[in-house]
């Protein structure tokens, strides 16, 4: 198993499963609507047309607000919450 996979918390199904890759935010400040863990769609037909061996699309519309921005905002709001508590 790679070092990358060891750092992933597979018990979580939101962006915080990758917390060890982000600038630190204490768990008590994590805010989530369970964004992330969106399905992957494999497209053999489009991959072949583009000359790729594999092509995978992420279904970001499956996030709580239907946007790829959900992931980013969950982290940013959590970080802002932590920064506000430090003052």
PDB file of N, CA and C in Angstrom:
ATOM      1  N   UNK A   1       0.853  -1.177   0.000  1.00  0.00           N
ATOM      2  CA  UNK A   1       0.000   0.000   0.000  1.00  0.00           C
ATOM      3  C   UNK A   1       0.900   1.242   0.000  1.00  0.00           C
ATOM      4  N   UNK A   2       0.528   2.232  -0.763  1.00  0.00           N
ATOM      5  CA  UNK A   2       1.332   3.448  -0.870  1.00  0.00           C
ATOM      6  C   UNK A   2       1.191   4.327   0.365  1.00  0.00           C
ATOM      7  N   UNK A   3       2.138   5.229   0.545  1.00  0.00           N
ATOM      8  CA  UNK A   3       2.078   6.193   1.645  1.00  0.00           C
ATOM      9  C   UNK A   3       0.829   7.043   1.530  1.00  0.00           C
ATOM     10  N   UNK A   4       0.454   7.371   0.300  1.00  0.00           N
ATOM     11  CA  UNK A   4      -0.752   8.166   0.053  1.00  0.00           C
ATOM     12  C   UNK A   4      -1.973   7.499   0.669  1.00  0.00           C
ATOM     13  N   UNK A   5      -2.158   6.219   0.408  1.00  0.00           N
ATOM     14  CA  UNK A   5      -3.342   5.508   0.898  1.00  0.00           C
ATOM     15  C   UNK A   5      -3.344   5.326   2.416  1.00  0.00           C
ATOM     16  N   UNK A   6      -2.168   5.267   3.011  1.00  0.00           N
ATOM     17  CA  UNK A   6      -2.082   5.122   4.465  1.00  0.00           C
ATOM     18  C   UNK A   6      -2.614   6.371   5.158  1.00  0.00           C
ATOM     19  N   UNK A   7      -2.460   7.539   4.536  1.00  0.00           N
ATOM     20  CA  UNK A   7      -2.886   8.801   5.138  1.00  0.00           C
ATOM     21  C   UNK A   7      -4.388   9.055   5.005  1.00  0.00           C
ATOM     22  N   UNK A   8      -5.075   8.302   4.184  1.00  0.00           N
ATOM     23  CA  UNK A   8      -6.510   8.502   3.974  1.00  0.00           C
ATOM     24  C   UNK A   8      -7.294   7.814   5.082  1.00  0.00           C
ATOM     25  N   UNK A   9      -8.220   8.544   5.688  1.00  0.00           N
ATOM     26  CA  UNK A   9      -9.088   7.977   6.723  1.00  0.00           C
ATOM     27  C   UNK A   9     -10.322   7.397   6.035  1.00  0.00           C
ATOM     28  N   UNK A  10     -10.266   6.126   5.724  1.00  0.00           N
ATOM     29  CA  UNK A  10     -11.344   5.500   4.954  1.00  0.00           C
ATOM     30  C   UNK A  10     -12.643   5.334   5.751  1.00  0.00           C
ATOM     31  N   UNK A  11     -12.613   5.637   7.039  1.00  0.00           N
ATOM     32  CA  UNK A  11     -13.846   5.587   7.842  1.00  0.00           C
ATOM     33  C   UNK A  11     -14.767   6.759   7.535  1.00  0.00           C
ATOM     34  N   UNK A  12     -14.210   7.840   6.991  1.00  0.00           N
ATOM     35  CA  UNK A  12     -15.000   9.032   6.676  1.00  0.00           C
ATOM     36  C   UNK A  12     -15.414   9.021   5.212  1.00  0.00           C
ATOM     37  N   UNK A  13     -16.562   9.588   4.918  1.00  0.00           N
ATOM     38  CA  UNK A  13     -17.064   9.667   3.539  1.00  0.00           C
ATOM     39  C   UNK A  13     -17.275  11.120   3.128  1.00  0.00           C
ATOM     40  N   UNK A  14     -16.398  12.002   3.586  1.00  0.00           N
ATOM     41  CA  UNK A  14     -16.469  13.411   3.210  1.00  0.00           C
ATOM     42  C   UNK A  14     -15.043  13.918   2.999  1.00  0.00           C
ATOM     43  N   UNK A  15     -14.876  15.206   2.805  1.00  0.00           N
ATOM     44  CA  UNK A  15     -13.547  15.734   2.493  1.00  0.00           C
ATOM     45  C   UNK A  15     -12.532  15.506   3.602  1.00  0.00           C
ATOM     46  N   UNK A  16     -12.994  15.317   4.817  1.00  0.00           N
ATOM     47  CA  UNK A  16     -12.068  15.182   5.940  1.00  0.00           C
ATOM     48  C   UNK A  16     -11.348  13.851   5.941  1.00  0.00           C
ATOM     49  N   UNK A  17     -11.704  12.943   5.061  1.00  0.00           N
ATOM     50  CA  UNK A  17     -10.930  11.706   4.947  1.00  0.00           C
ATOM     51  C   UNK A  17      -9.517  12.000   4.446  1.00  0.00           C
ATOM     52  N   UNK A  18      -9.341  13.169   3.825  1.00  0.00           N
ATOM     53  CA  UNK A  18      -8.026  13.590   3.312  1.00  0.00           C
ATOM     54  C   UNK A  18      -7.385  14.668   4.179  1.00  0.00           C
ATOM     55  N   UNK A  19      -7.807  14.796   5.427  1.00  0.00           N
ATOM     56  CA  UNK A  19      -7.356  15.876   6.309  1.00  0.00           C
ATOM     57  C   UNK A  19      -5.838  15.948   6.449  1.00  0.00           C
ATOM     58  N   UNK A  20      -5.149  14.835   6.378  1.00  0.00           N
ATOM     59  CA  UNK A  20      -3.689  14.845   6.544  1.00  0.00           C
ATOM     60  C   UNK A  20      -2.972  15.510   5.372  1.00  0.00           C
ATOM     61  N   UNK A  21      -3.688  15.782   4.300  1.00  0.00           N
ATOM     62  CA  UNK A  21      -3.097  16.444   3.140  1.00  0.00           C
ATOM     63  C   UNK A  21      -3.349  17.955   3.145  1.00  0.00           C
ATOM     64  N   UNK A  22      -4.218  18.431   4.036  1.00  0.00           N
ATOM     65  CA  UNK A  22      -4.581  19.851   4.098  1.00  0.00           C
ATOM     66  C   UNK A  22      -3.756  20.561   5.157  1.00  0.00           C
ATOM     67  N   UNK A  23      -3.651  21.881   5.050  1.00  0.00           N
ATOM     68  CA  UNK A  23      -3.126  22.623   6.202  1.00  0.00           C
ATOM     69  C   UNK A  23      -4.020  22.301   7.402  1.00  0.00           C
ATOM     70  N   UNK A  24      -3.417  22.129   8.579  1.00  0.00           N
ATOM     71  CA  UNK A  24      -4.176  21.601   9.722  1.00  0.00           C
ATOM     72  C   UNK A  24      -5.369  22.442  10.177  1.00  0.00           C
ATOM     73  N   UNK A  25      -6.441  21.727  10.493  1.00  0.00           N
ATOM     74  CA  UNK A  25      -7.634  22.283  11.128  1.00  0.00           C
ATOM     75  C   UNK A  25      -8.023  21.266  12.193  1.00  0.00           C
ATOM     76  N   UNK A  26      -8.213  21.728  13.418  1.00  0.00           N
ATOM     77  CA  UNK A  26      -8.594  20.803  14.488  1.00  0.00           C
ATOM     78  C   UNK A  26      -9.959  20.187  14.176  1.00  0.00           C
ATOM     79  N   UNK A  27     -10.089  18.928  14.511  1.00  0.00           N
ATOM     80  CA  UNK A  27     -11.328  18.204  14.212  1.00  0.00           C
ATOM     81  C   UNK A  27     -12.553  18.881  14.817  1.00  0.00           C
ATOM     82  N   UNK A  28     -12.409  19.526  15.944  1.00  0.00           N
ATOM     83  CA  UNK A  28     -13.544  20.206  16.581  1.00  0.00           C
ATOM     84  C   UNK A  28     -14.077  21.365  15.739  1.00  0.00           C
ATOM     85  N   UNK A  29     -13.283  21.825  14.776  1.00  0.00           N
ATOM     86  CA  UNK A  29     -13.693  22.927  13.902  1.00  0.00           C
ATOM     87  C   UNK A  29     -14.163  22.467  12.525  1.00  0.00           C
ATOM     88  N   UNK A  30     -14.126  21.173  12.272  1.00  0.00           N
ATOM     89  CA  UNK A  30     -14.559  20.662  10.982  1.00  0.00           C
ATOM     90  C   UNK A  30     -16.044  20.917  10.785  1.00  0.00           C
ATOM     91  N   UNK A  31     -16.369  21.430   9.623  1.00  0.00           N
ATOM     92  CA  UNK A  31     -17.757  21.619   9.224  1.00  0.00           C
ATOM     93  C   UNK A  31     -17.951  20.847   7.928  1.00  0.00           C
ATOM     94  N   UNK A  32     -19.010  20.090   7.849  1.00  0.00           N
ATOM     95  CA  UNK A  32     -19.244  19.317   6.631  1.00  0.00           C
ATOM     96  C   UNK A  32     -20.730  19.055   6.430  1.00  0.00           C
ATOM     97  N   UNK A  33     -21.117  18.999   5.183  1.00  0.00           N
ATOM     98  CA  UNK A  33     -22.449  18.540   4.786  1.00  0.00           C
ATOM     99  C   UNK A  33     -22.311  17.217   4.044  1.00  0.00           C
ATOM    100  N   UNK A  34     -21.209  16.527   4.326  1.00  0.00           N
ATOM    101  CA  UNK A  34     -20.834  15.277   3.656  1.00  0.00           C
ATOM    102  C   UNK A  34     -20.536  15.475   2.177  1.00  0.00           C
ATOM    103  N   UNK A  35     -19.873  16.603   1.883  1.00  0.00           N
ATOM    104  CA  UNK A  35     -19.423  16.802   0.511  1.00  0.00           C
ATOM    105  C   UNK A  35     -18.240  15.884   0.238  1.00  0.00           C
ATOM    106  N   UNK A  36     -18.037  15.616  -1.025  1.00  0.00           N
ATOM    107  CA  UNK A  36     -16.986  14.685  -1.416  1.00  0.00           C
ATOM    108  C   UNK A  36     -17.563  13.292  -1.587  1.00  0.00           C
ATOM    109  N   UNK A  37     -16.672  12.346  -1.844  1.00  0.00           N
ATOM    110  CA  UNK A  37     -17.064  10.948  -2.073  1.00  0.00           C
ATOM    111  C   UNK A  37     -18.136  10.842  -3.155  1.00  0.00           C
ATOM    112  N   UNK A  38     -18.015  11.708  -4.162  1.00  0.00           N
ATOM    113  CA  UNK A  38     -18.964  11.668  -5.276  1.00  0.00           C
ATOM    114  C   UNK A  38     -18.603  10.512  -6.214  1.00  0.00           C
ATOM    115  N   UNK A  39     -19.569   9.989  -6.936  1.00  0.00           N
ATOM    116  CA  UNK A  39     -19.301   8.841  -7.802  1.00  0.00           C
ATOM    117  C   UNK A  39     -18.383   9.187  -8.974  1.00  0.00           C
ATOM    118  N   UNK A  40     -17.723   8.166  -9.449  1.00  0.00           N
ATOM    119  CA  UNK A  40     -16.877   8.275 -10.640  1.00  0.00           C
ATOM    120  C   UNK A  40     -17.574   7.581 -11.798  1.00  0.00           C
ATOM    121  N   UNK A  41     -17.521   8.208 -12.953  1.00  0.00           N
ATOM    122  CA  UNK A  41     -18.113   7.626 -14.156  1.00  0.00           C
ATOM    123  C   UNK A  41     -16.973   7.320 -15.130  1.00  0.00           C
ATOM    124  N   UNK A  42     -16.828   6.077 -15.491  1.00  0.00           N
ATOM    125  CA  UNK A  42     -15.786   5.661 -16.437  1.00  0.00           C
ATOM    126  C   UNK A  42     -16.345   5.757 -17.848  1.00  0.00           C
ATOM    127  N   UNK A  43     -15.584   6.366 -18.730  1.00  0.00           N
ATOM    128  CA  UNK A  43     -16.049   6.534 -20.098  1.00  0.00           C
ATOM    129  C   UNK A  43     -15.038   5.929 -21.075  1.00  0.00           C
ATOM    130  N   UNK A  44     -15.295   4.704 -21.474  1.00  0.00           N
ATOM    131  CA  UNK A  44     -14.404   4.026 -22.432  1.00  0.00           C
ATOM    132  C   UNK A  44     -14.520   4.649 -23.820  1.00  0.00           C
ATOM    133  N   UNK A  45     -15.746   5.013 -24.189  1.00  0.00           N
ATOM    134  CA  UNK A  45     -15.983   5.552 -25.534  1.00  0.00           C
ATOM    135  C   UNK A  45     -15.256   6.885 -25.751  1.00  0.00           C
ATOM    136  N   UNK A  46     -15.424   7.815 -24.843  1.00  0.00           N
ATOM    137  CA  UNK A  46     -14.758   9.115 -24.971  1.00  0.00           C
ATOM    138  C   UNK A  46     -13.245   8.941 -24.835  1.00  0.00           C
ATOM    139  N   UNK A  47     -12.824   8.075 -23.924  1.00  0.00           N
ATOM    140  CA  UNK A  47     -11.391   7.821 -23.748  1.00  0.00           C
ATOM    141  C   UNK A  47     -10.774   7.339 -25.062  1.00  0.00           C
ATOM    142  N   UNK A  48     -11.435   6.396 -25.713  1.00  0.00           N
ATOM    143  CA  UNK A  48     -10.918   5.864 -26.976  1.00  0.00           C
ATOM    144  C   UNK A  48     -10.852   6.943 -28.053  1.00  0.00           C
ATOM    145  N   UNK A  49     -11.877   7.788 -28.126  1.00  0.00           N
ATOM    146  CA  UNK A  49     -11.889   8.863 -29.122  1.00  0.00           C
ATOM    147  C   UNK A  49     -10.758   9.861 -28.900  1.00  0.00           C
ATOM    148  N   UNK A  50     -10.382  10.049 -27.637  1.00  0.00           N
ATOM    149  CA  UNK A  50      -9.310  10.998 -27.314  1.00  0.00           C
ATOM    150  C   UNK A  50      -7.931  10.349 -27.267  1.00  0.00           C
ATOM    151  N   UNK A  51      -7.897   9.048 -27.431  1.00  0.00           N
ATOM    152  CA  UNK A  51      -6.630   8.333 -27.428  1.00  0.00           C
ATOM    153  C   UNK A  51      -6.103   8.008 -26.036  1.00  0.00           C
ATOM    154  N   UNK A  52      -6.993   8.022 -25.040  1.00  0.00           N
ATOM    155  CA  UNK A  52      -6.600   7.680 -23.673  1.00  0.00           C
ATOM    156  C   UNK A  52      -6.938   6.220 -23.408  1.00  0.00           C
ATOM    157  N   UNK A  53      -6.194   5.616 -22.505  1.00  0.00           N
ATOM    158  CA  UNK A  53      -6.529   4.248 -22.119  1.00  0.00           C
ATOM    159  C   UNK A  53      -7.699   4.232 -21.139  1.00  0.00           C
ATOM    160  N   UNK A  54      -7.876   5.361 -20.433  1.00  0.00           N
ATOM    161  CA  UNK A  54      -8.930   5.435 -19.427  1.00  0.00           C
ATOM    162  C   UNK A  54      -9.306   6.898 -19.220  1.00  0.00           C
ATOM    163  N   UNK A  55     -10.579   7.146 -18.966  1.00  0.00           N
ATOM    164  CA  UNK A  55     -11.054   8.496 -18.672  1.00  0.00           C
ATOM    165  C   UNK A  55     -12.138   8.382 -17.608  1.00  0.00           C
ATOM    166  N   UNK A  56     -11.956   9.143 -16.536  1.00  0.00           N
ATOM    167  CA  UNK A  56     -12.885   9.084 -15.413  1.00  0.00           C
ATOM    168  C   UNK A  56     -13.432  10.481 -15.145  1.00  0.00           C
ATOM    169  N   UNK A  57     -14.743  10.585 -15.046  1.00  0.00           N
ATOM    170  CA  UNK A  57     -15.400  11.838 -14.696  1.00  0.00           C
ATOM    171  C   UNK A  57     -15.888  11.749 -13.261  1.00  0.00           C
ATOM    172  N   UNK A  58     -15.745  12.824 -12.499  1.00  0.00           N
ATOM    173  CA  UNK A  58     -16.300  12.890 -11.150  1.00  0.00           C
ATOM    174  C   UNK A  58     -17.653  13.584 -11.220  1.00  0.00           C
ATOM    175  N   UNK A  59     -18.635  13.065 -10.512  1.00  0.00           N
ATOM    176  CA  UNK A  59     -19.984  13.625 -10.479  1.00  0.00           C
ATOM    177  C   UNK A  59     -20.085  14.659  -9.368  1.00  0.00           C
ATOM    178  N   UNK A  60     -19.532  15.834  -9.601  1.00  0.00           N
ATOM    179  CA  UNK A  60     -19.540  16.883  -8.584  1.00  0.00           C
ATOM    180  C   UNK A  60     -20.952  17.409  -8.317  1.00  0.00           C
ATOM    181  N   UNK A  61     -21.854  17.183  -9.240  1.00  0.00           N
ATOM    182  CA  UNK A  61     -23.239  17.602  -9.001  1.00  0.00           C
ATOM    183  C   UNK A  61     -23.898  16.757  -7.908  1.00  0.00           C
ATOM    184  N   UNK A  62     -23.241  15.689  -7.472  1.00  0.00           N
ATOM    185  CA  UNK A  62     -23.765  14.848  -6.391  1.00  0.00           C
ATOM    186  C   UNK A  62     -23.395  15.397  -5.009  1.00  0.00           C
ATOM    187  N   UNK A  63     -22.641  16.492  -4.967  1.00  0.00           N
ATOM    188  CA  UNK A  63     -22.349  17.151  -3.696  1.00  0.00           C
ATOM    189  C   UNK A  63     -23.629  17.790  -3.152  1.00  0.00           C
ATOM    190  N   UNK A  64     -23.665  18.123  -1.857  1.00  0.00           N
ATOM    191  CA  UNK A  64     -24.894  18.650  -1.246  1.00  0.00           C
ATOM    192  C   UNK A  64     -25.511  19.851  -1.967  1.00  0.00           C
ATOM    193  N   UNK A  65     -24.682  20.759  -2.460  1.00  0.00           N
ATOM    194  CA  UNK A  65     -25.208  21.928  -3.172  1.00  0.00           C
ATOM    195  C   UNK A  65     -25.039  21.820  -4.682  1.00  0.00           C
ATOM    196  N   UNK A  66     -24.670  20.635  -5.138  1.00  0.00           N
ATOM    197  CA  UNK A  66     -24.563  20.396  -6.570  1.00  0.00           C
ATOM    198  C   UNK A  66     -23.392  21.076  -7.247  1.00  0.00           C
ATOM    199  N   UNK A  67     -22.321  21.339  -6.502  1.00  0.00           N
ATOM    200  CA  UNK A  67     -21.210  22.104  -7.058  1.00  0.00           C
ATOM    201  C   UNK A  67     -19.863  21.565  -6.581  1.00  0.00           C
ATOM    202  N   UNK A  68     -18.862  21.711  -7.434  1.00  0.00           N
ATOM    203  CA  UNK A  68     -17.492  21.353  -7.047  1.00  0.00           C
ATOM    204  C   UNK A  68     -16.987  22.278  -5.939  1.00  0.00           C
ATOM    205  N   UNK A  69     -17.619  23.424  -5.766  1.00  0.00           N
ATOM    206  CA  UNK A  69     -17.196  24.397  -4.759  1.00  0.00           C
ATOM    207  C   UNK A  69     -17.493  23.915  -3.339  1.00  0.00           C
ATOM    208  N   UNK A  70     -18.369  22.950  -3.186  1.00  0.00           N
ATOM    209  CA  UNK A  70     -18.712  22.436  -1.856  1.00  0.00           C
ATOM    210  C   UNK A  70     -17.479  21.954  -1.104  1.00  0.00           C
ATOM    211  N   UNK A  71     -16.594  21.250  -1.795  1.00  0.00           N
ATOM    212  CA  UNK A  71     -15.381  20.726  -1.151  1.00  0.00           C
ATOM    213  C   UNK A  71     -14.530  21.866  -0.605  1.00  0.00           C
ATOM    214  N   UNK A  72     -14.255  22.828  -1.451  1.00  0.00           N
ATOM    215  CA  UNK A  72     -13.389  23.954  -1.103  1.00  0.00           C
ATOM    216  C   UNK A  72     -13.998  24.757   0.049  1.00  0.00           C
ATOM    217  N   UNK A  73     -15.289  25.022  -0.024  1.00  0.00           N
ATOM    218  CA  UNK A  73     -15.923  25.845   1.007  1.00  0.00           C
ATOM    219  C   UNK A  73     -15.992  25.132   2.349  1.00  0.00           C
ATOM    220  N   UNK A  74     -16.154  23.831   2.359  1.00  0.00           N
ATOM    221  CA  UNK A  74     -16.172  23.092   3.621  1.00  0.00           C
ATOM    222  C   UNK A  74     -14.849  23.288   4.353  1.00  0.00           C
ATOM    223  N   UNK A  75     -13.756  23.217   3.616  1.00  0.00           N
ATOM    224  CA  UNK A  75     -12.448  23.440   4.235  1.00  0.00           C
ATOM    225  C   UNK A  75     -12.298  24.899   4.659  1.00  0.00           C
ATOM    226  N   UNK A  76     -12.612  25.829   3.779  1.00  0.00           N
ATOM    227  CA  UNK A  76     -12.394  27.242   4.068  1.00  0.00           C
ATOM    228  C   UNK A  76     -13.228  27.727   5.256  1.00  0.00           C
ATOM    229  N   UNK A  77     -14.466  27.309   5.349  1.00  0.00           N
ATOM    230  CA  UNK A  77     -15.306  27.714   6.477  1.00  0.00           C
ATOM    231  C   UNK A  77     -14.780  27.091   7.769  1.00  0.00           C
ATOM    232  N   UNK A  78     -14.325  25.859   7.705  1.00  0.00           N
ATOM    233  CA  UNK A  78     -13.747  25.207   8.881  1.00  0.00           C
ATOM    234  C   UNK A  78     -12.485  25.932   9.334  1.00  0.00           C
ATOM    235  N   UNK A  79     -11.671  26.305   8.388  1.00  0.00           N
ATOM    236  CA  UNK A  79     -10.428  27.043   8.703  1.00  0.00           C
ATOM    237  C   UNK A  79     -10.758  28.412   9.292  1.00  0.00           C
ATOM    238  N   UNK A  80     -11.728  29.111   8.738  1.00  0.00           N
ATOM    239  CA  UNK A  80     -12.130  30.413   9.263  1.00  0.00           C
ATOM    240  C   UNK A  80     -12.673  30.271  10.683  1.00  0.00           C
ATOM    241  N   UNK A  81     -13.416  29.223  10.920  1.00  0.00           N
ATOM    242  CA  UNK A  81     -13.949  28.964  12.266  1.00  0.00           C
ATOM    243  C   UNK A  81     -12.804  28.782  13.258  1.00  0.00           C
ATOM    244  N   UNK A  82     -11.807  28.042  12.841  1.00  0.00           N
ATOM    245  CA  UNK A  82     -10.647  27.821  13.716  1.00  0.00           C
ATOM    246  C   UNK A  82      -9.891  29.132  13.974  1.00  0.00           C
ATOM    247  N   UNK A  83      -9.707  29.911  12.936  1.00  0.00           N
ATOM    248  CA  UNK A  83      -8.995  31.182  13.086  1.00  0.00           C
ATOM    249  C   UNK A  83      -9.773  32.132  14.010  1.00  0.00           C
ATOM    250  N   UNK A  84     -11.083  32.147  13.931  1.00  0.00           N
ATOM    251  CA  UNK A  84     -11.909  33.003  14.784  1.00  0.00           C
ATOM    252  C   UNK A  84     -11.801  32.580  16.247  1.00  0.00           C
ATOM    253  N   UNK A  85     -11.650  31.305  16.493  1.00  0.00           N
ATOM    254  CA  UNK A  85     -11.545  30.805  17.877  1.00  0.00           C
ATOM    255  C   UNK A  85     -10.202  31.131  18.495  1.00  0.00           C
ATOM    256  N   UNK A  86      -9.201  31.395  17.673  1.00  0.00           N
ATOM    257  CA  UNK A  86      -7.876  31.732  18.180  1.00  0.00           C
ATOM    258  C   UNK A  86      -7.789  33.154  18.698  1.00  0.00           C
ATOM    259  N   UNK A  87      -8.717  33.988  18.296  1.00  0.00           N
ATOM    260  CA  UNK A  87      -8.663  35.411  18.676  1.00  0.00           C
ATOM    261  C   UNK A  87      -9.153  35.640  20.059  1.00  0.00           C
TER     262      UNK A  87
END
